[in-house]
Protein backbone atom coordinates (compact mmCIF):
# COMPACT_ATOMS: atom_id res chain seq x y z
CA MET A 1 0.20 0.17 0.11
CA THR A 2 1.56 3.14 -1.18
CA SER A 3 -0.56 5.53 0.63
CA ARG A 4 0.20 3.41 3.98
CA LYS A 5 3.72 3.35 3.45
CA ALA A 6 4.22 7.05 2.70
CA LEU A 7 2.40 7.90 6.38
CA LEU A 8 4.08 5.05 8.08
CA THR A 9 7.50 6.64 7.15
CA ALA A 10 6.15 10.05 8.12
CA ALA A 11 5.24 8.41 11.20
CA ALA A 12 9.06 7.27 11.63
CA ALA A 13 7.80 3.29 12.09
CA ALA A 14 11.40 1.71 11.63
CA LEU A 15 10.86 -0.19 15.18
CA ALA A 16 13.06 -2.63 16.73
CA LEU A 17 15.07 -3.73 19.80
CA SER A 18 18.51 -2.32 19.66
CA ALA A 19 20.75 -5.04 18.37
CA CYS A 20 24.32 -2.89 19.70
CA LYS A 21 26.44 -4.09 22.32
CA SER A 22 24.98 -2.61 25.14
CA GLU A 23 25.01 -4.16 29.03
CA GLY A 24 24.06 -7.83 29.28
CA ASP A 25 26.33 -8.90 26.41
CA LEU A 26 29.03 -11.62 27.13
CA VAL A 27 32.35 -10.94 26.00
CA ILE A 28 34.85 -13.65 24.64
CA GLU A 29 38.35 -12.46 26.73
CA GLN A 30 40.85 -14.11 23.88
CA GLY A 31 39.43 -17.39 23.74
CA VAL A 32 40.11 -18.16 27.10
CA GLY A 33 37.48 -16.43 29.65
CA ILE A 34 34.21 -15.27 29.34
CA THR A 35 33.35 -12.13 31.51
CA ALA A 36 30.02 -11.77 31.87
CA VAL A 37 28.58 -7.84 32.17
CA ARG A 38 25.36 -7.25 33.34
CA SER A 39 22.86 -5.41 34.98
CA VAL A 40 19.77 -5.40 37.32
CA CYS A 41 18.03 -2.68 35.56
CA PRO A 42 15.52 -4.39 32.64
CA ALA A 43 15.90 -3.89 29.07
CA VAL A 44 13.74 -2.04 27.64
CA GLY A 45 12.29 -2.16 24.10
CA VAL A 46 9.21 -2.65 21.72
CA PRO A 47 8.31 -5.51 20.73
CA GLU A 48 7.39 -6.48 17.30
CA PHE A 49 4.26 -6.14 15.74
CA THR A 50 3.41 -3.51 18.29
CA GLY A 51 5.30 -0.40 17.46
CA ASP A 52 2.78 1.04 14.94
CA ILE A 53 -0.45 1.10 15.19
CA THR A 54 -3.41 1.54 11.48
CA LEU A 55 -6.27 3.22 11.90
CA PHE A 56 -9.10 2.99 9.46
CA ASN A 57 -12.01 5.12 8.44
CA ALA A 58 -14.70 1.94 8.14
CA GLU A 59 -15.10 -0.97 9.81
CA GLY A 60 -13.63 -4.26 8.51
CA ALA A 61 -12.01 -2.08 5.45
CA ARG A 62 -8.15 -2.68 4.75
CA THR A 63 -7.65 -0.64 1.59
CA ALA A 64 -5.57 2.02 1.09
CA ASP A 65 -8.53 4.43 -0.03
CA ALA A 66 -9.83 3.82 4.33
CA LEU A 67 -6.65 4.84 5.62
CA ASP A 68 -7.41 7.03 8.43
CA VAL A 69 -4.43 7.52 11.15
CA VAL A 70 -1.00 6.02 11.10
CA ALA A 71 1.34 6.50 14.24
CA ALA A 72 4.60 4.82 15.35
CA ILE A 73 6.46 4.27 18.12
CA THR A 74 10.13 5.80 18.51
CA ASN A 75 12.54 7.61 20.73
CA VAL A 76 12.63 5.09 23.57
CA ARG A 77 14.62 6.64 26.51
CA SER A 78 15.10 4.99 29.84
CA ASP A 79 16.46 5.88 33.08
CA CYS A 80 17.27 3.20 35.75
CA ASN A 81 17.76 3.88 39.48
CA GLN A 82 19.49 1.06 41.55
CA THR A 83 20.70 2.27 44.50
CA GLY A 84 17.88 0.61 46.92
CA ASP A 85 16.23 -2.89 47.14
CA GLN A 86 13.79 -2.26 44.24
CA VAL A 87 15.17 -1.28 41.15
CA TYR A 88 12.78 1.11 39.08
CA THR A 89 13.58 1.84 36.02
CA THR A 90 11.57 4.41 34.00
CA ALA A 91 11.15 4.87 30.24
CA THR A 92 10.07 7.99 28.05
CA PHE A 93 9.02 7.39 23.78
CA ASP A 94 7.58 9.67 21.52
CA VAL A 95 4.76 8.88 19.35
CA PHE A 96 4.72 10.62 15.63
CA ALA A 97 1.21 10.28 13.89
CA SER A 98 0.12 11.02 10.47
CA ARG A 99 -3.23 11.63 9.13
CA ARG A 100 -5.07 11.34 5.50
CA ASP A 101 -7.79 13.89 5.84
CA THR A 102 -6.33 17.32 7.02
CA ASN A 103 -9.56 19.08 7.26
CA GLY A 104 -10.57 20.30 10.44
CA ALA A 105 -8.14 20.19 14.28
CA ARG A 106 -8.80 16.42 15.55
CA THR A 107 -7.92 14.82 18.40
CA VAL A 108 -6.85 11.28 18.60
CA GLU A 109 -6.42 8.80 21.82
CA LEU A 110 -4.47 6.13 20.98
CA PRO A 111 -4.30 3.15 23.82
CA TYR A 112 -0.67 1.56 24.85
CA TYR A 113 0.69 -0.87 27.38
CA SER A 114 4.17 -1.21 29.38
CA THR A 115 4.90 -4.86 30.50
CA VAL A 116 7.10 -6.64 32.47
CA MET A 117 8.92 -9.52 31.24
CA ARG A 118 10.73 -12.23 33.37
CA GLY A 119 12.78 -14.61 31.14
CA SER A 120 11.14 -13.60 28.11
CA SER A 121 8.15 -15.51 28.96
CA SER A 122 6.44 -14.23 32.29
CA VAL A 123 4.40 -10.86 32.58
CA VAL A 124 5.28 -9.88 35.93
CA ALA A 125 3.28 -6.58 35.76
CA LYS A 126 1.38 -5.30 32.80
CA ARG A 127 -0.17 -1.14 32.82
CA LEU A 128 -2.33 0.39 30.35
CA GLY A 129 -2.21 4.10 29.02
CA THR A 130 -3.39 6.23 26.44
CA ILE A 131 -1.52 8.86 24.07
CA THR A 132 -3.29 11.62 22.86
CA ILE A 133 -2.36 13.42 19.32
CA ALA A 134 -3.30 16.54 18.58
CA PHE A 135 -4.05 17.31 15.07
CA ALA A 136 -4.51 21.38 13.83
CA ASP A 137 -6.45 22.20 11.17
CA GLY A 138 -4.56 21.39 7.73
CA GLN A 139 -2.28 19.55 9.87
CA ALA A 140 -1.30 16.48 8.16
CA ARG A 141 1.12 15.42 11.13
CA ALA A 142 1.58 15.57 14.84
CA GLN A 143 3.91 13.99 17.46
CA GLY A 144 2.46 12.58 21.33
CA SER A 145 5.01 11.44 24.05
CA GLY A 146 4.02 8.75 27.00
CA THR A 147 5.88 7.31 29.64
CA ALA A 148 6.27 3.81 31.68
CA GLY A 149 7.75 2.73 34.52
CA ALA A 150 8.70 -0.52 36.15
CA TYR A 151 9.86 -2.08 39.75
CA VAL A 152 12.23 -5.14 40.02
CA ASN A 153 13.51 -6.61 42.81
CA LYS A 154 17.07 -6.83 42.66
CA ASP A 155 17.88 -9.58 44.29
CA GLU A 156 15.80 -11.12 41.74
CA ALA A 157 17.51 -9.38 39.25
CA THR A 158 20.99 -10.55 40.54
CA LEU A 159 22.87 -14.02 39.12
CA PRO A 160 23.67 -16.21 42.15
CA ASP A 161 27.11 -15.88 43.48
CA ASP A 162 28.30 -19.86 42.18
CA ILE A 163 26.06 -19.05 38.49
CA ARG A 164 27.99 -15.82 38.01
CA ASP A 165 31.28 -17.66 38.91
CA ARG A 166 30.68 -20.33 36.82
CA ILE A 167 30.45 -18.17 33.72
CA THR A 168 32.93 -15.62 34.75
CA ARG A 169 35.58 -18.16 36.06
CA ARG A 170 38.72 -18.37 33.40
CA ARG A 171 39.77 -20.95 31.41
CA ARG A 172 42.97 -22.01 30.29
CA ALA A 173 43.65 -22.54 26.54
CA GLY A 174 43.56 -26.37 25.48
CA ASP A 175 41.05 -27.32 28.56
CA GLN A 176 38.32 -29.31 27.57
CA SER A 177 35.91 -26.31 29.27
CA ALA A 178 37.23 -23.82 27.74
CA ALA A 179 35.41 -24.91 24.24
CA ILE A 180 32.30 -25.10 25.78
CA ASP A 181 29.72 -22.32 26.34
CA PRO A 182 28.78 -22.08 29.99
CA LEU A 183 25.56 -20.84 28.77
CA THR A 184 24.11 -24.04 27.08
CA GLU A 185 24.66 -25.50 30.31
CA PRO A 186 20.89 -26.07 31.39
CA ASP A 187 20.69 -24.75 35.33
CA ILE A 188 23.20 -21.65 33.92
CA ARG A 189 20.28 -20.72 31.47
CA ALA A 190 17.96 -21.14 33.60
CA ALA A 191 19.27 -18.93 36.30
CA VAL A 192 20.08 -16.16 33.94
CA ALA A 193 16.50 -16.62 32.27
CA ARG A 194 15.46 -16.17 36.18
CA ALA A 195 17.47 -12.74 36.71
CA THR A 196 16.78 -11.33 33.50
CA PHE A 197 13.59 -8.72 33.45
CA GLU A 198 12.84 -6.24 30.52
CA LEU A 199 9.99 -3.54 30.16
CA LEU A 200 8.33 -3.45 27.10
CA ILE A 201 6.40 -0.80 25.44
CA GLY A 202 3.97 -0.79 22.60
CA PHE A 203 0.17 -0.45 20.84
CA GLN A 204 -2.55 -1.89 22.70
CA LEU A 205 -3.87 -3.41 19.27
CA SER A 206 -6.96 -5.30 18.90
CA ASP A 207 -6.51 -9.15 17.56
CA ASP A 208 -7.26 -7.87 13.97
CA GLN A 209 -5.19 -5.08 14.19
CA LEU A 210 -2.03 -7.18 15.13
CA ALA A 211 -3.27 -9.54 12.59
CA TYR A 212 -2.93 -6.42 9.91
CA ASN A 213 0.55 -5.70 11.59
CA ALA A 214 1.85 -9.63 11.20
CA THR A 215 0.95 -9.70 7.73
CA ARG A 216 1.15 -6.68 5.95
């Protein structure tokens, strides 16, 4: 859909979790040891298929001439306070929106969610919010912003000492253990998953909207 692509580009819809190196990566040290660099702060990101939303002007319509509003979450930023027993992370983000019909002033309410995940599979908490987008008369593009927050127990987000030692202990070149990635060991992998939290943000989509994003 050419019209939708134009709107989505204007709404800055290039959304994905950053692939750049950050805390939580494993760094191989000259092939003889592994240093685990991780934080108790949850990673913050936008899950696939939930970073943009498309509204149509007719129920069930999916054609280009029925496009109404397209919006995208971008510029996700986070700040983490890990000084206490409860780690608190705040995230802010922008929402860029475009509309097809620019006649008249209009306000659009877009629902979003923030979810705390543990081990990539367990939902610890979920909250809903609303982003308000205000278009002026004749304006095709507008912007809003949102916030999210999450508390994580520091002890739960900290690897046990024995697990940390097994991951980070130095291995001599030539030793059999030097060729084995400790994260392939089931108990270590499970412990890392239990101590890994994420704060995920996205639009609260209907089943039809989610299916549309996944299949377009």
